[in-house]
Amino acid sequence: MLLPAADLGLISSHLSSHDGIIRKTKMQLKKVENPVLKQLFDAQLEALRNHVAVMLEMIDPDKEDFAEVPSVDKLSGDSKAKKKDAETGRKLEIHLALEAKATAQQMAVDNMFSAMKMKEPKVKQAHLDMAHQQVELAKGITAFLKENNAEVTPVSSAEEQKKVLDHFKHMKKE
C-alpha cells in the first residue's frame, strides 16, 4: 500500500520517538522492583513494540494491509520482582512512574494529533487506537501513583465553583 507522503512523514517521526522511548523504558525497567509498576512498564514496552510492528507494516510498500493494534486489555505486562532497599527503591520508582505517566500522556497526544492529520483511513484509525492504549496505560500509572500517595488532585471549594458557575451562566441563553 502506498501511503500519502504526510502519513509517511508522521509515521517516520513516530518510529524515531518509539526507538528512544523503548530504549529508555528498558533501562528504567531494570531499576523497578515494585510488581505493579513493573507490570505497567512491561505493558508499556509491549504496547510500544506492537506499535512499531504495526507501523513497519504500514510503511512496507509491498504489503496491502497491516495488523490491527491489539486492544489494551491484551497487554500482559508480565514481570518478576526482587528485594532491595525499600525506601530508596520506592522513591526511585515513584519518579520513574511520574516520568512514565508523562511519556504515556505525550505519546497519546502525539498519536491523536497525528491521526487527525493523517489521510489514509486505516492508518488514521490505527493511530487513534495507539492513542487510546497510551491513555489507558497513563490511567494505570496514575492509579499506581495514587495508591502510593504520589498523585494529588486538588479540589476546589463550593464557593469558588459557584463563582465560576455564576460567571458563565449567561451562556445558557446564547
C-alpha atoms as a PDB file:
ATOM      1  CA  MET A   1       0.000   0.000   0.000  1.00  0.00           C
ATOM      2  CA  LEU A   2       1.373   3.384  -0.912  1.00  0.00           C
ATOM      3  CA  LEU A   3       0.744   6.000   1.738  1.00  0.00           C
ATOM      4  CA  PRO A   4       0.255   9.721   1.340  1.00  0.00           C
ATOM      5  CA  ALA A   5       3.577  11.489   1.973  1.00  0.00           C
ATOM      6  CA  ALA A   6       2.105  13.244   5.031  1.00  0.00           C
ATOM      7  CA  ASP A   7       1.289   9.889   6.649  1.00  0.00           C
ATOM      8  CA  LEU A   8       4.756   8.502   5.884  1.00  0.00           C
ATOM      9  CA  GLY A   9       6.423  11.563   7.425  1.00  0.00           C
ATOM     10  CA  LEU A  10       4.340  11.314  10.603  1.00  0.00           C
ATOM     11  CA  ILE A  11       4.996   7.569  10.914  1.00  0.00           C
ATOM     12  CA  SER A  12       8.725   8.117  10.417  1.00  0.00           C
ATOM     13  CA  SER A  13       8.690  10.635  13.257  1.00  0.00           C
ATOM     14  CA  HIS A  14       6.727   8.219  15.464  1.00  0.00           C
ATOM     15  CA  LEU A  15       9.194   5.400  14.789  1.00  0.00           C
ATOM     16  CA  SER A  16      12.087   7.618  15.891  1.00  0.00           C
ATOM     17  CA  SER A  17      10.226   8.518  19.094  1.00  0.00           C
ATOM     18  CA  HIS A  18       9.373   4.881  19.764  1.00  0.00           C
ATOM     19  CA  ASP A  19      13.017   3.870  19.309  1.00  0.00           C
ATOM     20  CA  GLY A  20      14.165   6.244  22.035  1.00  0.00           C
ATOM     21  CA  ILE A  21      11.247   5.569  24.373  1.00  0.00           C
ATOM     22  CA  ILE A  22      11.636   1.788  24.103  1.00  0.00           C
ATOM     23  CA  ARG A  23      15.332   2.025  24.985  1.00  0.00           C
ATOM     24  CA  LYS A  24      14.627   4.421  27.882  1.00  0.00           C
ATOM     25  CA  THR A  25      11.804   2.241  29.246  1.00  0.00           C
ATOM     26  CA  LYS A  26      14.018  -0.872  29.096  1.00  0.00           C
ATOM     27  CA  MET A  27      16.695   0.930  31.154  1.00  0.00           C
ATOM     28  CA  GLN A  28      14.117   2.189  33.655  1.00  0.00           C
ATOM     29  CA  LEU A  29      12.553  -1.254  33.969  1.00  0.00           C
ATOM     30  CA  LYS A  30      15.881  -2.596  35.292  1.00  0.00           C
ATOM     31  CA  LYS A  31      15.541  -0.209  38.258  1.00  0.00           C
ATOM     32  CA  VAL A  32      11.923  -1.061  39.108  1.00  0.00           C
ATOM     33  CA  GLU A  33      11.089  -3.743  41.653  1.00  0.00           C
ATOM     34  CA  ASN A  34       7.514  -2.949  42.665  1.00  0.00           C
ATOM     35  CA  PRO A  35       5.482  -5.699  40.929  1.00  0.00           C
ATOM     36  CA  VAL A  36       2.601  -3.391  39.987  1.00  0.00           C
ATOM     37  CA  LEU A  37       4.874  -0.759  38.476  1.00  0.00           C
ATOM     38  CA  LYS A  38       6.962  -3.470  36.788  1.00  0.00           C
ATOM     39  CA  GLN A  39       3.806  -4.838  35.168  1.00  0.00           C
ATOM     40  CA  LEU A  40       2.844  -1.339  33.951  1.00  0.00           C
ATOM     41  CA  PHE A  41       6.309  -0.784  32.461  1.00  0.00           C
ATOM     42  CA  ASP A  42       6.185  -4.226  30.814  1.00  0.00           C
ATOM     43  CA  ALA A  43       2.773  -3.374  29.359  1.00  0.00           C
ATOM     44  CA  GLN A  44       4.136  -0.061  28.044  1.00  0.00           C
ATOM     45  CA  LEU A  45       7.056  -1.871  26.378  1.00  0.00           C
ATOM     46  CA  GLU A  46       4.700  -4.422  24.848  1.00  0.00           C
ATOM     47  CA  ALA A  47       2.410  -1.658  23.547  1.00  0.00           C
ATOM     48  CA  LEU A  48       5.316   0.293  22.039  1.00  0.00           C
ATOM     49  CA  ARG A  49       6.725  -2.830  20.368  1.00  0.00           C
ATOM     50  CA  ASN A  50       3.277  -3.613  18.962  1.00  0.00           C
ATOM     51  CA  HIS A  51       3.014  -0.049  17.651  1.00  0.00           C
ATOM     52  CA  VAL A  52       6.406  -0.369  15.936  1.00  0.00           C
ATOM     53  CA  ALA A  53       5.406  -3.661  14.303  1.00  0.00           C
ATOM     54  CA  VAL A  54       2.137  -2.165  13.028  1.00  0.00           C
ATOM     55  CA  MET A  55       3.840   0.988  11.721  1.00  0.00           C
ATOM     56  CA  LEU A  56       6.564  -1.006   9.947  1.00  0.00           C
ATOM     57  CA  GLU A  57       3.827  -2.969   8.206  1.00  0.00           C
ATOM     58  CA  MET A  58       2.063   0.293   7.321  1.00  0.00           C
ATOM     59  CA  ILE A  59       5.093   1.689   5.523  1.00  0.00           C
ATOM     60  CA  ASP A  60       6.007  -1.543   3.684  1.00  0.00           C
ATOM     61  CA  PRO A  61       5.005  -0.724   0.081  1.00  0.00           C
ATOM     62  CA  ASP A  62       4.805  -4.462  -0.721  1.00  0.00           C
ATOM     63  CA  LYS A  63       2.019  -5.025   1.806  1.00  0.00           C
ATOM     64  CA  GLU A  64      -1.583  -4.209   1.060  1.00  0.00           C
ATOM     65  CA  ASP A  65      -2.702  -4.335   4.692  1.00  0.00           C
ATOM     66  CA  PHE A  66      -1.306  -4.275   8.221  1.00  0.00           C
ATOM     67  CA  ALA A  67      -2.118  -5.864  11.575  1.00  0.00           C
ATOM     68  CA  GLU A  68      -4.562  -4.179  13.901  1.00  0.00           C
ATOM     69  CA  VAL A  69      -3.316  -2.501  17.042  1.00  0.00           C
ATOM     70  CA  PRO A  70      -4.026  -5.039  19.808  1.00  0.00           C
ATOM     71  CA  SER A  71      -6.545  -3.854  22.373  1.00  0.00           C
ATOM     72  CA  VAL A  72      -5.124  -2.546  25.621  1.00  0.00           C
ATOM     73  CA  ASP A  73      -6.622  -5.453  27.587  1.00  0.00           C
ATOM     74  CA  LYS A  74      -4.433  -7.843  25.543  1.00  0.00           C
ATOM     75  CA  LEU A  75      -1.243  -6.354  27.021  1.00  0.00           C
ATOM     76  CA  SER A  76       0.183  -8.808  29.531  1.00  0.00           C
ATOM     77  CA  GLY A  77       2.987  -6.872  31.208  1.00  0.00           C
ATOM     78  CA  ASP A  78       4.386  -9.948  32.976  1.00  0.00           C
ATOM     79  CA  SER A  79       7.341  -9.457  35.305  1.00  0.00           C
ATOM     80  CA  LYS A  80       9.022 -10.721  38.480  1.00  0.00           C
ATOM     81  CA  ALA A  81      10.208  -8.515  41.352  1.00  0.00           C
ATOM     82  CA  LYS A  82      13.367  -8.739  43.553  1.00  0.00           C
ATOM     83  CA  LYS A  83      14.180  -7.350  47.020  1.00  0.00           C
ATOM     84  CA  LYS A  84      16.008  -4.036  47.522  1.00  0.00           C
ATOM     85  CA  ASP A  85      16.267  -1.125  49.976  1.00  0.00           C
ATOM     86  CA  ALA A  86      12.563  -0.312  50.257  1.00  0.00           C
ATOM     87  CA  GLU A  87      12.682   3.472  50.782  1.00  0.00           C
ATOM     88  CA  THR A  88      15.330   4.178  48.132  1.00  0.00           C
ATOM     89  CA  GLY A  89      13.583   1.865  45.704  1.00  0.00           C
ATOM     90  CA  ARG A  90      10.199   3.420  46.403  1.00  0.00           C
ATOM     91  CA  LYS A  91      11.422   6.978  45.794  1.00  0.00           C
ATOM     92  CA  LEU A  92      13.115   5.978  42.546  1.00  0.00           C
ATOM     93  CA  GLU A  93      10.058   4.058  41.392  1.00  0.00           C
ATOM     94  CA  ILE A  94       7.767   6.993  42.131  1.00  0.00           C
ATOM     95  CA  HIS A  95       9.960   9.258  39.998  1.00  0.00           C
ATOM     96  CA  LEU A  96      10.118   6.665  37.231  1.00  0.00           C
ATOM     97  CA  ALA A  97       6.328   6.310  37.367  1.00  0.00           C
ATOM     98  CA  LEU A  98       5.847  10.091  37.173  1.00  0.00           C
ATOM     99  CA  GLU A  99       8.094  10.234  34.109  1.00  0.00           C
ATOM    100  CA  ALA A 100       6.401   7.193  32.543  1.00  0.00           C
ATOM    101  CA  LYS A 101       2.998   8.815  33.042  1.00  0.00           C
ATOM    102  CA  ALA A 102       4.170  12.000  31.329  1.00  0.00           C
ATOM    103  CA  THR A 103       5.611   9.937  28.470  1.00  0.00           C
ATOM    104  CA  ALA A 104       2.382   7.959  28.024  1.00  0.00           C
ATOM    105  CA  GLN A 105       0.322  11.154  28.077  1.00  0.00           C
ATOM    106  CA  GLN A 106       2.577  12.802  25.486  1.00  0.00           C
ATOM    107  CA  MET A 107       2.517   9.706  23.282  1.00  0.00           C
ATOM    108  CA  ALA A 108      -1.293   9.743  23.459  1.00  0.00           C
ATOM    109  CA  VAL A 109      -1.367  13.396  22.417  1.00  0.00           C
ATOM    110  CA  ASP A 110       1.153  12.804  19.607  1.00  0.00           C
ATOM    111  CA  ASN A 111      -0.794   9.826  18.270  1.00  0.00           C
ATOM    112  CA  MET A 112      -4.118  11.672  18.460  1.00  0.00           C
ATOM    113  CA  PHE A 113      -2.727  14.800  16.818  1.00  0.00           C
ATOM    114  CA  SER A 114      -1.058  12.785  14.067  1.00  0.00           C
ATOM    115  CA  ALA A 115      -4.196  10.731  13.451  1.00  0.00           C
ATOM    116  CA  MET A 116      -6.135  13.930  12.897  1.00  0.00           C
ATOM    117  CA  LYS A 117      -3.648  14.944  10.176  1.00  0.00           C
ATOM    118  CA  MET A 118      -3.340  11.525   8.513  1.00  0.00           C
ATOM    119  CA  LYS A 119      -5.119  10.858   5.253  1.00  0.00           C
ATOM    120  CA  GLU A 120      -5.349   7.048   4.892  1.00  0.00           C
ATOM    121  CA  PRO A 121      -8.372   5.898   6.982  1.00  0.00           C
ATOM    122  CA  LYS A 122      -6.880   2.644   8.337  1.00  0.00           C
ATOM    123  CA  VAL A 123      -3.607   4.345   9.254  1.00  0.00           C
ATOM    124  CA  LYS A 124      -5.604   7.097  10.970  1.00  0.00           C
ATOM    125  CA  GLN A 125      -7.655   4.532  12.949  1.00  0.00           C
ATOM    126  CA  ALA A 126      -4.549   2.602  13.992  1.00  0.00           C
ATOM    127  CA  HIS A 127      -3.060   5.782  15.442  1.00  0.00           C
ATOM    128  CA  LEU A 128      -6.305   6.541  17.284  1.00  0.00           C
ATOM    129  CA  ASP A 129      -6.072   3.022  18.756  1.00  0.00           C
ATOM    130  CA  MET A 130      -2.449   3.680  19.739  1.00  0.00           C
ATOM    131  CA  ALA A 131      -3.527   6.913  21.445  1.00  0.00           C
ATOM    132  CA  HIS A 132      -6.211   5.022  23.362  1.00  0.00           C
ATOM    133  CA  GLN A 133      -3.656   2.467  24.559  1.00  0.00           C
ATOM    134  CA  GLN A 134      -1.400   5.214  25.863  1.00  0.00           C
ATOM    135  CA  VAL A 135      -4.322   6.870  27.678  1.00  0.00           C
ATOM    136  CA  GLU A 136      -5.160   3.545  29.357  1.00  0.00           C
ATOM    137  CA  LEU A 137      -1.519   2.986  30.336  1.00  0.00           C
ATOM    138  CA  ALA A 138      -1.349   6.508  31.792  1.00  0.00           C
ATOM    139  CA  LYS A 139      -4.510   5.749  33.800  1.00  0.00           C
ATOM    140  CA  GLY A 140      -2.868   2.615  35.201  1.00  0.00           C
ATOM    141  CA  ILE A 141       0.249   4.547  36.191  1.00  0.00           C
ATOM    142  CA  THR A 142      -1.929   7.257  37.765  1.00  0.00           C
ATOM    143  CA  ALA A 143      -3.687   4.594  39.846  1.00  0.00           C
ATOM    144  CA  PHE A 144      -0.285   3.290  40.998  1.00  0.00           C
ATOM    145  CA  LEU A 145       0.782   6.826  41.924  1.00  0.00           C
ATOM    146  CA  LYS A 146      -2.451   7.452  43.869  1.00  0.00           C
ATOM    147  CA  GLU A 147      -2.056   4.170  45.757  1.00  0.00           C
ATOM    148  CA  ASN A 148       1.447   5.313  46.732  1.00  0.00           C
ATOM    149  CA  ASN A 149       0.304   8.823  47.738  1.00  0.00           C
ATOM    150  CA  ALA A 150       2.326  10.356  44.914  1.00  0.00           C
ATOM    151  CA  GLU A 151      -0.610  11.826  42.990  1.00  0.00           C
ATOM    152  CA  VAL A 152      -2.644  14.655  44.453  1.00  0.00           C
ATOM    153  CA  THR A 153      -5.748  16.124  42.868  1.00  0.00           C
ATOM    154  CA  PRO A 154      -6.625  19.494  44.370  1.00  0.00           C
ATOM    155  CA  VAL A 155     -10.318  20.058  44.968  1.00  0.00           C
ATOM    156  CA  SER A 156     -11.932  23.485  44.755  1.00  0.00           C
ATOM    157  CA  SER A 157     -14.462  24.821  47.219  1.00  0.00           C
ATOM    158  CA  ALA A 158     -18.186  25.047  46.625  1.00  0.00           C
ATOM    159  CA  GLU A 159     -17.846  28.848  46.882  1.00  0.00           C
ATOM    160  CA  GLU A 160     -15.223  29.013  44.087  1.00  0.00           C
ATOM    161  CA  GLN A 161     -17.231  26.710  41.844  1.00  0.00           C
ATOM    162  CA  LYS A 162     -20.338  28.838  42.415  1.00  0.00           C
ATOM    163  CA  LYS A 163     -18.403  31.981  41.355  1.00  0.00           C
ATOM    164  CA  VAL A 164     -17.379  30.312  38.098  1.00  0.00           C
ATOM    165  CA  LEU A 165     -20.893  28.977  37.545  1.00  0.00           C
ATOM    166  CA  ASP A 166     -22.399  32.433  38.083  1.00  0.00           C
ATOM    167  CA  HIS A 167     -19.844  33.998  35.766  1.00  0.00           C
ATOM    168  CA  PHE A 168     -20.735  31.689  32.873  1.00  0.00           C
ATOM    169  CA  LYS A 169     -24.481  31.218  33.494  1.00  0.00           C
ATOM    170  CA  HIS A 170     -25.298  33.740  30.784  1.00  0.00           C
ATOM    171  CA  MET A 171     -24.062  31.251  28.192  1.00  0.00           C
ATOM    172  CA  LYS A 172     -27.202  29.138  28.617  1.00  0.00           C
ATOM    173  CA  LYS A 173     -29.078  31.908  26.805  1.00  0.00           C
ATOM    174  CA  GLU A 174     -26.572  32.270  23.965  1.00  0.00           C
END
